[in-house]
Amino acid sequence: MPELPEVETTRQAIIDCCVGKTVSLVNVKRFDLRWEVPKQLASLMLNKQCMALNRRGKYLVFIFSDGALIVHLGMSGSLRIVSDKTPWRKHDHLELGFDKYRLRYHDPRRFGCVLWADDWENHELIRTMGVEPLSDEFSGSVLYQLARGKKCPIKSLIMNGKVVTGVGNIYACEALFKAGICPQKHAGKITKRMCDNLADAIKSVMSFAIKVGGTTLRDFVSGASSPGYFQTKLDVYGREGKECRKCQQKIKNIKMTGRSTFYCPTCQP
């Protein structure tokens, strides 16, 4: 699944193609995504100027004067820059034109969404989201307060979108390794110093992933059709049985809430 760094990579790749530009084309091939694409989408968007392109968690938000288009890439989706001569591929479901630029939404599993919201910040998909991990509002002190009294594992806490939004499985594993914290440790037992280290690790790992274009594990590419290269820098994720880059102990893989969780038992006691 495209995680926060992949979505931010996409945002940065397409922002110049849409912000300040007027919507000249709305072509919907399939309306039956995870939720129905609004039938009136063309009338809502045509001839209107895109004022900003924001990201909230894993959602892209195209801001207009009277509302916003909310886009989620689902499990394996992408939003790519194309030309008017680019052939439509199977699983291309929607195309948006911004003056001379075109963006095409591709989603093989149709698990993503393309929705319109009059008040996007209070939309049901957005309003309950937790703090943004790359924002100034997120810190070790904030994480420490959020963890107080929690009996769940620390990995589950930082992956809870109502607590911290957008920290997916890959980056949770990598950040916990960087901070030297066992993913199974009870969140309520995490010390203030551990929270400082973990908050810094989350920011560092995700910022670096954005810098190198995200992680390509199956088929993610950015809006400019470039693959992510963070996978070449992974310390623990997907490295079960391989030597830890720090201590040469074997990386382990356990299941937590149905997700593969990779860690070093020596570096993350």
C-alpha atoms as a PDB file:
ATOM      1  CA  MET A   1       0.000   0.000   0.000  1.00  0.00           C
ATOM      2  CA  PRO A   2       1.297   3.501  -0.769  1.00  0.00           C
ATOM      3  CA  GLU A   3       2.155   4.961   2.639  1.00  0.00           C
ATOM      4  CA  LEU A   4       2.576   8.589   3.698  1.00  0.00           C
ATOM      5  CA  PRO A   5       6.014   9.088   2.055  1.00  0.00           C
ATOM      6  CA  GLU A   6       4.708   7.631  -1.220  1.00  0.00           C
ATOM      7  CA  VAL A   7       1.662   9.922  -1.115  1.00  0.00           C
ATOM      8  CA  GLU A   8       3.832  12.954  -0.305  1.00  0.00           C
ATOM      9  CA  THR A   9       6.190  11.961  -3.139  1.00  0.00           C
ATOM     10  CA  THR A  10       3.204  11.910  -5.479  1.00  0.00           C
ATOM     11  CA  ARG A  11       2.013  15.304  -4.184  1.00  0.00           C
ATOM     12  CA  GLN A  12       5.393  16.874  -4.824  1.00  0.00           C
ATOM     13  CA  ALA A  13       5.580  15.330  -8.304  1.00  0.00           C
ATOM     14  CA  ILE A  14       2.220  16.657  -9.488  1.00  0.00           C
ATOM     15  CA  ILE A  15       1.800  19.933  -7.579  1.00  0.00           C
ATOM     16  CA  ASP A  16       3.099  22.152 -10.394  1.00  0.00           C
ATOM     17  CA  CYS A  17       0.720  20.467 -12.839  1.00  0.00           C
ATOM     18  CA  CYS A  18      -2.423  21.445 -10.981  1.00  0.00           C
ATOM     19  CA  VAL A  19      -2.003  24.309  -8.497  1.00  0.00           C
ATOM     20  CA  GLY A  20      -2.917  27.589 -10.135  1.00  0.00           C
ATOM     21  CA  LYS A  21      -4.307  25.700 -13.121  1.00  0.00           C
ATOM     22  CA  THR A  22      -7.922  25.459 -14.279  1.00  0.00           C
ATOM     23  CA  VAL A  23      -9.715  22.137 -14.607  1.00  0.00           C
ATOM     24  CA  SER A  24     -10.270  21.599 -18.321  1.00  0.00           C
ATOM     25  CA  LEU A  25     -11.204  17.902 -18.333  1.00  0.00           C
ATOM     26  CA  VAL A  26     -12.903  15.386 -16.054  1.00  0.00           C
ATOM     27  CA  ASN A  27     -13.184  11.921 -17.604  1.00  0.00           C
ATOM     28  CA  VAL A  28     -14.432   9.109 -15.343  1.00  0.00           C
ATOM     29  CA  LYS A  29     -14.221   5.603 -16.814  1.00  0.00           C
ATOM     30  CA  ARG A  30     -15.377   3.788 -13.663  1.00  0.00           C
ATOM     31  CA  PHE A  31     -17.393   5.208 -10.808  1.00  0.00           C
ATOM     32  CA  ASP A  32     -17.379   2.084  -8.614  1.00  0.00           C
ATOM     33  CA  LEU A  33     -14.238   2.525  -6.542  1.00  0.00           C
ATOM     34  CA  ARG A  34     -14.221   1.836  -2.792  1.00  0.00           C
ATOM     35  CA  TRP A  35     -16.933   4.468  -2.603  1.00  0.00           C
ATOM     36  CA  GLU A  36     -18.899   5.762  -5.572  1.00  0.00           C
ATOM     37  CA  VAL A  37     -17.219   8.569  -7.474  1.00  0.00           C
ATOM     38  CA  PRO A  38     -19.727  11.456  -7.556  1.00  0.00           C
ATOM     39  CA  LYS A  39     -21.731  11.350 -10.787  1.00  0.00           C
ATOM     40  CA  GLN A  40     -21.681  15.152 -10.864  1.00  0.00           C
ATOM     41  CA  LEU A  41     -17.881  15.372 -10.494  1.00  0.00           C
ATOM     42  CA  ALA A  42     -17.410  17.091 -13.856  1.00  0.00           C
ATOM     43  CA  SER A  43     -19.948  19.805 -13.087  1.00  0.00           C
ATOM     44  CA  LEU A  44     -18.354  20.313  -9.653  1.00  0.00           C
ATOM     45  CA  MET A  45     -14.821  20.774 -11.025  1.00  0.00           C
ATOM     46  CA  LEU A  46     -14.834  21.993 -14.644  1.00  0.00           C
ATOM     47  CA  ASN A  47     -13.519  25.504 -15.250  1.00  0.00           C
ATOM     48  CA  LYS A  48     -12.490  25.936 -11.618  1.00  0.00           C
ATOM     49  CA  GLN A  49      -8.974  26.795 -10.486  1.00  0.00           C
ATOM     50  CA  CYS A  50      -7.061  24.511  -8.150  1.00  0.00           C
ATOM     51  CA  MET A  51      -5.820  26.739  -5.341  1.00  0.00           C
ATOM     52  CA  ALA A  52      -3.650  24.241  -3.424  1.00  0.00           C
ATOM     53  CA  LEU A  53      -2.722  20.566  -3.201  1.00  0.00           C
ATOM     54  CA  ASN A  54      -2.526  19.364   0.396  1.00  0.00           C
ATOM     55  CA  ARG A  55      -1.868  16.012   2.006  1.00  0.00           C
ATOM     56  CA  ARG A  56      -3.599  14.772   5.138  1.00  0.00           C
ATOM     57  CA  GLY A  57      -2.282  11.400   6.228  1.00  0.00           C
ATOM     58  CA  LYS A  58      -2.452   9.248   3.104  1.00  0.00           C
ATOM     59  CA  TYR A  59      -5.069  11.436   1.396  1.00  0.00           C
ATOM     60  CA  LEU A  60      -4.343  13.974  -1.341  1.00  0.00           C
ATOM     61  CA  VAL A  61      -6.622  17.014  -1.183  1.00  0.00           C
ATOM     62  CA  PHE A  62      -7.089  19.272  -4.230  1.00  0.00           C
ATOM     63  CA  ILE A  63      -8.376  22.591  -2.856  1.00  0.00           C
ATOM     64  CA  PHE A  64     -10.867  24.739  -4.769  1.00  0.00           C
ATOM     65  CA  SER A  65     -12.710  27.885  -3.702  1.00  0.00           C
ATOM     66  CA  ASP A  66     -15.953  26.010  -3.011  1.00  0.00           C
ATOM     67  CA  GLY A  67     -14.741  22.580  -1.931  1.00  0.00           C
ATOM     68  CA  ALA A  68     -12.075  19.952  -2.408  1.00  0.00           C
ATOM     69  CA  LEU A  69     -11.350  16.720  -4.230  1.00  0.00           C
ATOM     70  CA  ILE A  70     -10.162  13.993  -1.830  1.00  0.00           C
ATOM     71  CA  VAL A  71      -8.077  11.211  -3.394  1.00  0.00           C
ATOM     72  CA  HIS A  72      -6.764   8.035  -1.769  1.00  0.00           C
ATOM     73  CA  LEU A  73      -4.494   5.669  -3.714  1.00  0.00           C
ATOM     74  CA  GLY A  74      -5.867   2.535  -2.075  1.00  0.00           C
ATOM     75  CA  MET A  75      -3.767  -0.624  -1.906  1.00  0.00           C
ATOM     76  CA  SER A  76      -1.859  -0.280  -5.169  1.00  0.00           C
ATOM     77  CA  GLY A  77      -3.025   2.891  -6.867  1.00  0.00           C
ATOM     78  CA  SER A  78      -1.187   5.796  -8.466  1.00  0.00           C
ATOM     79  CA  LEU A  79      -1.861   9.245  -9.850  1.00  0.00           C
ATOM     80  CA  ARG A  80       0.427   9.912 -12.800  1.00  0.00           C
ATOM     81  CA  ILE A  81       1.187  12.689 -15.235  1.00  0.00           C
ATOM     82  CA  VAL A  82       0.254  11.645 -18.783  1.00  0.00           C
ATOM     83  CA  SER A  83      -0.124  13.259 -22.207  1.00  0.00           C
ATOM     84  CA  ASP A  84      -3.269  13.395 -24.310  1.00  0.00           C
ATOM     85  CA  LYS A  85      -1.715  10.657 -26.456  1.00  0.00           C
ATOM     86  CA  THR A  86      -0.986   8.267 -23.569  1.00  0.00           C
ATOM     87  CA  PRO A  87      -3.037   5.076 -24.130  1.00  0.00           C
ATOM     88  CA  TRP A  88      -5.489   4.156 -21.398  1.00  0.00           C
ATOM     89  CA  ARG A  89      -4.364   1.074 -19.496  1.00  0.00           C
ATOM     90  CA  LYS A  90      -6.485  -1.511 -17.819  1.00  0.00           C
ATOM     91  CA  HIS A  91      -7.399  -0.184 -14.356  1.00  0.00           C
ATOM     92  CA  ASP A  92      -7.088   3.483 -15.395  1.00  0.00           C
ATOM     93  CA  HIS A  93     -10.353   4.810 -13.971  1.00  0.00           C
ATOM     94  CA  LEU A  94     -10.248   8.588 -14.120  1.00  0.00           C
ATOM     95  CA  GLU A  95      -8.431  11.439 -15.842  1.00  0.00           C
ATOM     96  CA  LEU A  96      -8.230  15.084 -14.811  1.00  0.00           C
ATOM     97  CA  GLY A  97      -7.044  17.866 -17.095  1.00  0.00           C
ATOM     98  CA  PHE A  98      -5.458  21.017 -15.659  1.00  0.00           C
ATOM     99  CA  ASP A  99      -4.933  23.377 -18.593  1.00  0.00           C
ATOM    100  CA  LYS A 100      -2.332  21.509 -20.703  1.00  0.00           C
ATOM    101  CA  TYR A 101      -1.528  18.894 -18.022  1.00  0.00           C
ATOM    102  CA  ARG A 102      -3.313  15.596 -17.415  1.00  0.00           C
ATOM    103  CA  LEU A 103      -3.377  13.355 -14.358  1.00  0.00           C
ATOM    104  CA  ARG A 104      -4.618   9.784 -14.602  1.00  0.00           C
ATOM    105  CA  TYR A 105      -5.811   7.729 -11.647  1.00  0.00           C
ATOM    106  CA  HIS A 106      -4.844   4.037 -11.788  1.00  0.00           C
ATOM    107  CA  ASP A 107      -6.151   1.545  -9.209  1.00  0.00           C
ATOM    108  CA  PRO A 108      -6.099  -2.199  -9.997  1.00  0.00           C
ATOM    109  CA  ARG A 109      -7.949  -3.227  -6.825  1.00  0.00           C
ATOM    110  CA  ARG A 110     -10.350  -0.263  -6.832  1.00  0.00           C
ATOM    111  CA  PHE A 111      -9.750   0.129  -3.095  1.00  0.00           C
ATOM    112  CA  GLY A 112      -8.952   3.832  -3.316  1.00  0.00           C
ATOM    113  CA  CYS A 113     -11.366   6.736  -3.549  1.00  0.00           C
ATOM    114  CA  VAL A 114     -12.074   9.949  -5.429  1.00  0.00           C
ATOM    115  CA  LEU A 115     -14.585  12.064  -3.511  1.00  0.00           C
ATOM    116  CA  TRP A 116     -15.799  15.654  -3.372  1.00  0.00           C
ATOM    117  CA  ALA A 117     -16.184  17.502  -0.065  1.00  0.00           C
ATOM    118  CA  ASP A 118     -17.632  20.957   0.559  1.00  0.00           C
ATOM    119  CA  ASP A 119     -15.731  21.110   3.872  1.00  0.00           C
ATOM    120  CA  TRP A 120     -12.848  18.674   3.537  1.00  0.00           C
ATOM    121  CA  GLU A 121     -11.334  19.198   6.996  1.00  0.00           C
ATOM    122  CA  ASN A 122     -14.575  18.016   8.581  1.00  0.00           C
ATOM    123  CA  HIS A 123     -15.158  15.165   6.147  1.00  0.00           C
ATOM    124  CA  GLU A 124     -15.788  11.837   7.901  1.00  0.00           C
ATOM    125  CA  LEU A 125     -12.567  10.373   6.454  1.00  0.00           C
ATOM    126  CA  ILE A 126     -10.439  13.285   7.671  1.00  0.00           C
ATOM    127  CA  ARG A 127     -11.816  14.771  10.884  1.00  0.00           C
ATOM    128  CA  THR A 128     -10.833  11.906  13.227  1.00  0.00           C
ATOM    129  CA  MET A 129      -7.215  11.705  12.051  1.00  0.00           C
ATOM    130  CA  GLY A 130      -4.396  12.002  14.554  1.00  0.00           C
ATOM    131  CA  VAL A 131      -1.392  14.288  14.540  1.00  0.00           C
ATOM    132  CA  GLU A 132       0.722  14.514  11.382  1.00  0.00           C
ATOM    133  CA  PRO A 133       4.091  12.841  12.089  1.00  0.00           C
ATOM    134  CA  LEU A 134       6.067  15.337  10.006  1.00  0.00           C
ATOM    135  CA  SER A 135       4.414  18.411  11.515  1.00  0.00           C
ATOM    136  CA  ASP A 136       5.748  20.673  14.248  1.00  0.00           C
ATOM    137  CA  GLU A 137       2.852  19.475  16.419  1.00  0.00           C
ATOM    138  CA  PHE A 138       4.372  15.990  16.645  1.00  0.00           C
ATOM    139  CA  SER A 139       7.147  15.521  19.195  1.00  0.00           C
ATOM    140  CA  GLY A 140       8.407  13.147  21.851  1.00  0.00           C
ATOM    141  CA  SER A 141       6.382  15.025  24.471  1.00  0.00           C
ATOM    142  CA  VAL A 142       3.209  14.662  22.423  1.00  0.00           C
ATOM    143  CA  LEU A 143       3.867  10.971  21.804  1.00  0.00           C
ATOM    144  CA  TYR A 144       4.564  10.417  25.509  1.00  0.00           C
ATOM    145  CA  GLN A 145       1.193  11.934  26.443  1.00  0.00           C
ATOM    146  CA  LEU A 146      -0.603   9.919  23.772  1.00  0.00           C
ATOM    147  CA  ALA A 147       0.961   6.717  25.113  1.00  0.00           C
ATOM    148  CA  ARG A 148      -0.009   7.242  28.749  1.00  0.00           C
ATOM    149  CA  GLY A 149      -2.278   4.508  30.034  1.00  0.00           C
ATOM    150  CA  LYS A 150      -2.233   2.571  26.765  1.00  0.00           C
ATOM    151  CA  LYS A 151      -1.858  -1.218  27.059  1.00  0.00           C
ATOM    152  CA  CYS A 152      -1.384  -1.876  23.344  1.00  0.00           C
ATOM    153  CA  PRO A 153       2.074  -2.523  21.830  1.00  0.00           C
ATOM    154  CA  ILE A 154       3.958   0.618  20.862  1.00  0.00           C
ATOM    155  CA  LYS A 155       3.926  -0.444  17.201  1.00  0.00           C
ATOM    156  CA  SER A 156       0.134  -0.613  17.247  1.00  0.00           C
ATOM    157  CA  LEU A 157      -0.052   2.832  18.839  1.00  0.00           C
ATOM    158  CA  ILE A 158       2.069   4.616  16.253  1.00  0.00           C
ATOM    159  CA  MET A 159       0.160   2.848  13.453  1.00  0.00           C
ATOM    160  CA  ASN A 160      -3.204   3.940  14.857  1.00  0.00           C
ATOM    161  CA  GLY A 161      -4.342   6.668  12.473  1.00  0.00           C
ATOM    162  CA  LYS A 162      -6.427   8.330  15.163  1.00  0.00           C
ATOM    163  CA  VAL A 163      -3.268   8.804  17.247  1.00  0.00           C
ATOM    164  CA  VAL A 164      -0.560   9.447  14.647  1.00  0.00           C
ATOM    165  CA  THR A 165      -1.723   9.524  11.067  1.00  0.00           C
ATOM    166  CA  GLY A 166       0.083   7.890   8.163  1.00  0.00           C
ATOM    167  CA  VAL A 167       2.746   5.747   9.863  1.00  0.00           C
ATOM    168  CA  GLY A 168       2.335   2.478   7.978  1.00  0.00           C
ATOM    169  CA  ASN A 169       3.886  -0.908   8.612  1.00  0.00           C
ATOM    170  CA  ILE A 170       7.167  -0.404   6.774  1.00  0.00           C
ATOM    171  CA  TYR A 171       7.997   2.885   8.444  1.00  0.00           C
ATOM    172  CA  ALA A 172       6.832   1.761  11.881  1.00  0.00           C
ATOM    173  CA  CYS A 173       9.263  -1.179  11.732  1.00  0.00           C
ATOM    174  CA  GLU A 174      12.103   1.021  10.516  1.00  0.00           C
ATOM    175  CA  ALA A 175      11.499   3.801  13.055  1.00  0.00           C
ATOM    176  CA  LEU A 176      11.293   1.375  15.990  1.00  0.00           C
ATOM    177  CA  PHE A 177      14.593  -0.164  14.908  1.00  0.00           C
ATOM    178  CA  LYS A 178      16.215   3.254  14.632  1.00  0.00           C
ATOM    179  CA  ALA A 179      14.934   4.152  18.109  1.00  0.00           C
ATOM    180  CA  GLY A 180      16.016   0.786  19.582  1.00  0.00           C
ATOM    181  CA  ILE A 181      12.542  -0.091  20.858  1.00  0.00           C
ATOM    182  CA  CYS A 182      10.922  -3.543  20.738  1.00  0.00           C
ATOM    183  CA  PRO A 183       7.686  -3.315  18.706  1.00  0.00           C
ATOM    184  CA  GLN A 184       5.884  -5.445  21.326  1.00  0.00           C
ATOM    185  CA  LYS A 185       6.696  -3.170  24.262  1.00  0.00           C
ATOM    186  CA  HIS A 186       3.547  -1.817  25.953  1.00  0.00           C
ATOM    187  CA  ALA A 187       2.965   1.776  24.912  1.00  0.00           C
ATOM    188  CA  GLY A 188       2.153   2.796  28.471  1.00  0.00           C
ATOM    189  CA  LYS A 189       5.599   1.656  29.643  1.00  0.00           C
ATOM    190  CA  ILE A 190       7.507   3.751  27.124  1.00  0.00           C
ATOM    191  CA  THR A 191       9.646   6.375  28.861  1.00  0.00           C
ATOM    192  CA  LYS A 192       9.825  10.032  27.897  1.00  0.00           C
ATOM    193  CA  ARG A 193      13.340   9.517  26.531  1.00  0.00           C
ATOM    194  CA  MET A 194      12.152   6.576  24.421  1.00  0.00           C
ATOM    195  CA  CYS A 195       9.327   8.738  23.066  1.00  0.00           C
ATOM    196  CA  ASP A 196      11.793  11.491  22.175  1.00  0.00           C
ATOM    197  CA  ASN A 197      13.939   8.967  20.315  1.00  0.00           C
ATOM    198  CA  LEU A 198      10.954   7.379  18.584  1.00  0.00           C
ATOM    199  CA  ALA A 199       9.418  10.675  17.468  1.00  0.00           C
ATOM    200  CA  ASP A 200      12.785  11.741  16.054  1.00  0.00           C
ATOM    201  CA  ALA A 201      13.161   8.352  14.346  1.00  0.00           C
ATOM    202  CA  ILE A 202       9.703   8.557  12.760  1.00  0.00           C
ATOM    203  CA  LYS A 203      10.443  12.026  11.381  1.00  0.00           C
ATOM    204  CA  SER A 204      13.909  10.980  10.185  1.00  0.00           C
ATOM    205  CA  VAL A 205      12.843   7.739   8.512  1.00  0.00           C
ATOM    206  CA  MET A 206       9.819   9.241   6.767  1.00  0.00           C
ATOM    207  CA  SER A 207      11.631  12.413   5.689  1.00  0.00           C
ATOM    208  CA  PHE A 208      14.442  10.362   4.166  1.00  0.00           C
ATOM    209  CA  ALA A 209      11.931   8.097   2.400  1.00  0.00           C
ATOM    210  CA  ILE A 210      10.312  11.165   0.831  1.00  0.00           C
ATOM    211  CA  LYS A 211      13.735  12.460  -0.236  1.00  0.00           C
ATOM    212  CA  VAL A 212      14.521   9.236  -2.114  1.00  0.00           C
ATOM    213  CA  GLY A 213      11.047   8.838  -3.579  1.00  0.00           C
ATOM    214  CA  GLY A 214       9.279   6.411  -1.268  1.00  0.00           C
ATOM    215  CA  THR A 215       9.432   2.625  -1.159  1.00  0.00           C
ATOM    216  CA  THR A 216       8.741   0.321  -4.096  1.00  0.00           C
ATOM    217  CA  LEU A 217       7.802  -3.134  -2.810  1.00  0.00           C
ATOM    218  CA  ARG A 218       5.347  -4.130  -5.505  1.00  0.00           C
ATOM    219  CA  ASP A 219       4.238  -1.506  -7.953  1.00  0.00           C
ATOM    220  CA  PHE A 220       4.368   1.983  -6.444  1.00  0.00           C
ATOM    221  CA  VAL A 221       5.645   4.761  -8.673  1.00  0.00           C
ATOM    222  CA  SER A 222       5.333   8.487  -8.100  1.00  0.00           C
ATOM    223  CA  GLY A 223       3.218  10.900 -10.106  1.00  0.00           C
ATOM    224  CA  ALA A 224       6.186  11.350 -12.428  1.00  0.00           C
ATOM    225  CA  SER A 225       6.284   7.547 -12.946  1.00  0.00           C
ATOM    226  CA  SER A 226       9.530   7.245 -10.982  1.00  0.00           C
ATOM    227  CA  PRO A 227      10.046   4.307  -8.600  1.00  0.00           C
ATOM    228  CA  GLY A 228      10.907   4.815  -4.944  1.00  0.00           C
ATOM    229  CA  TYR A 229      14.364   3.848  -3.739  1.00  0.00           C
ATOM    230  CA  PHE A 230      13.903   3.679   0.047  1.00  0.00           C
ATOM    231  CA  GLN A 231      13.633  -0.116  -0.244  1.00  0.00           C
ATOM    232  CA  THR A 232      17.385  -0.246  -0.812  1.00  0.00           C
ATOM    233  CA  LYS A 233      17.891   1.428   2.588  1.00  0.00           C
ATOM    234  CA  LEU A 234      15.592  -0.769   4.704  1.00  0.00           C
ATOM    235  CA  ASP A 235      17.269  -1.961   7.901  1.00  0.00           C
ATOM    236  CA  VAL A 236      14.746  -4.542   9.084  1.00  0.00           C
ATOM    237  CA  TYR A 237      11.596  -4.638   6.943  1.00  0.00           C
ATOM    238  CA  GLY A 238      11.611  -7.667   4.647  1.00  0.00           C
ATOM    239  CA  ARG A 239      15.022  -8.814   5.955  1.00  0.00           C
ATOM    240  CA  GLU A 240      13.963 -11.828   8.035  1.00  0.00           C
ATOM    241  CA  GLY A 241      16.923 -14.148   8.656  1.00  0.00           C
ATOM    242  CA  LYS A 242      19.460 -11.637   7.364  1.00  0.00           C
ATOM    243  CA  GLU A 243      22.127 -10.089   9.555  1.00  0.00           C
ATOM    244  CA  CYS A 244      21.365  -6.869  11.398  1.00  0.00           C
ATOM    245  CA  ARG A 245      23.426  -4.065   9.914  1.00  0.00           C
ATOM    246  CA  LYS A 246      24.420  -2.971  13.452  1.00  0.00           C
ATOM    247  CA  CYS A 247      25.053  -6.155  15.458  1.00  0.00           C
ATOM    248  CA  GLN A 248      24.944  -9.045  12.921  1.00  0.00           C
ATOM    249  CA  GLN A 249      22.150 -10.761  14.857  1.00  0.00           C
ATOM    250  CA  LYS A 250      19.471 -12.356  12.661  1.00  0.00           C
ATOM    251  CA  ILE A 251      16.440 -10.178  11.918  1.00  0.00           C
ATOM    252  CA  LYS A 252      13.211 -11.738  13.167  1.00  0.00           C
ATOM    253  CA  ASN A 253       9.682 -11.559  11.775  1.00  0.00           C
ATOM    254  CA  ILE A 254       6.606 -11.927  13.978  1.00  0.00           C
ATOM    255  CA  LYS A 255       2.922 -11.323  13.336  1.00  0.00           C
ATOM    256  CA  MET A 256       1.256  -8.431  15.154  1.00  0.00           C
ATOM    257  CA  THR A 257      -2.434  -7.772  14.427  1.00  0.00           C
ATOM    258  CA  GLY A 258      -1.991  -9.742  11.205  1.00  0.00           C
ATOM    259  CA  ARG A 259       0.961  -7.680   9.973  1.00  0.00           C
ATOM    260  CA  SER A 260       4.535  -8.860   9.506  1.00  0.00           C
ATOM    261  CA  THR A 261       6.739  -7.121  12.045  1.00  0.00           C
ATOM    262  CA  PHE A 262      10.483  -7.124  11.522  1.00  0.00           C
ATOM    263  CA  TYR A 263      12.964  -6.306  14.280  1.00  0.00           C
ATOM    264  CA  CYS A 264      16.383  -7.104  15.744  1.00  0.00           C
ATOM    265  CA  PRO A 265      16.092  -8.863  19.133  1.00  0.00           C
ATOM    266  CA  THR A 266      19.493  -7.509  20.207  1.00  0.00           C
ATOM    267  CA  CYS A 267      19.145  -3.865  19.125  1.00  0.00           C
ATOM    268  CA  GLN A 268      15.475  -3.726  20.175  1.00  0.00           C
ATOM    269  CA  PRO A 269      15.323  -5.480  23.560  1.00  0.00           C
END
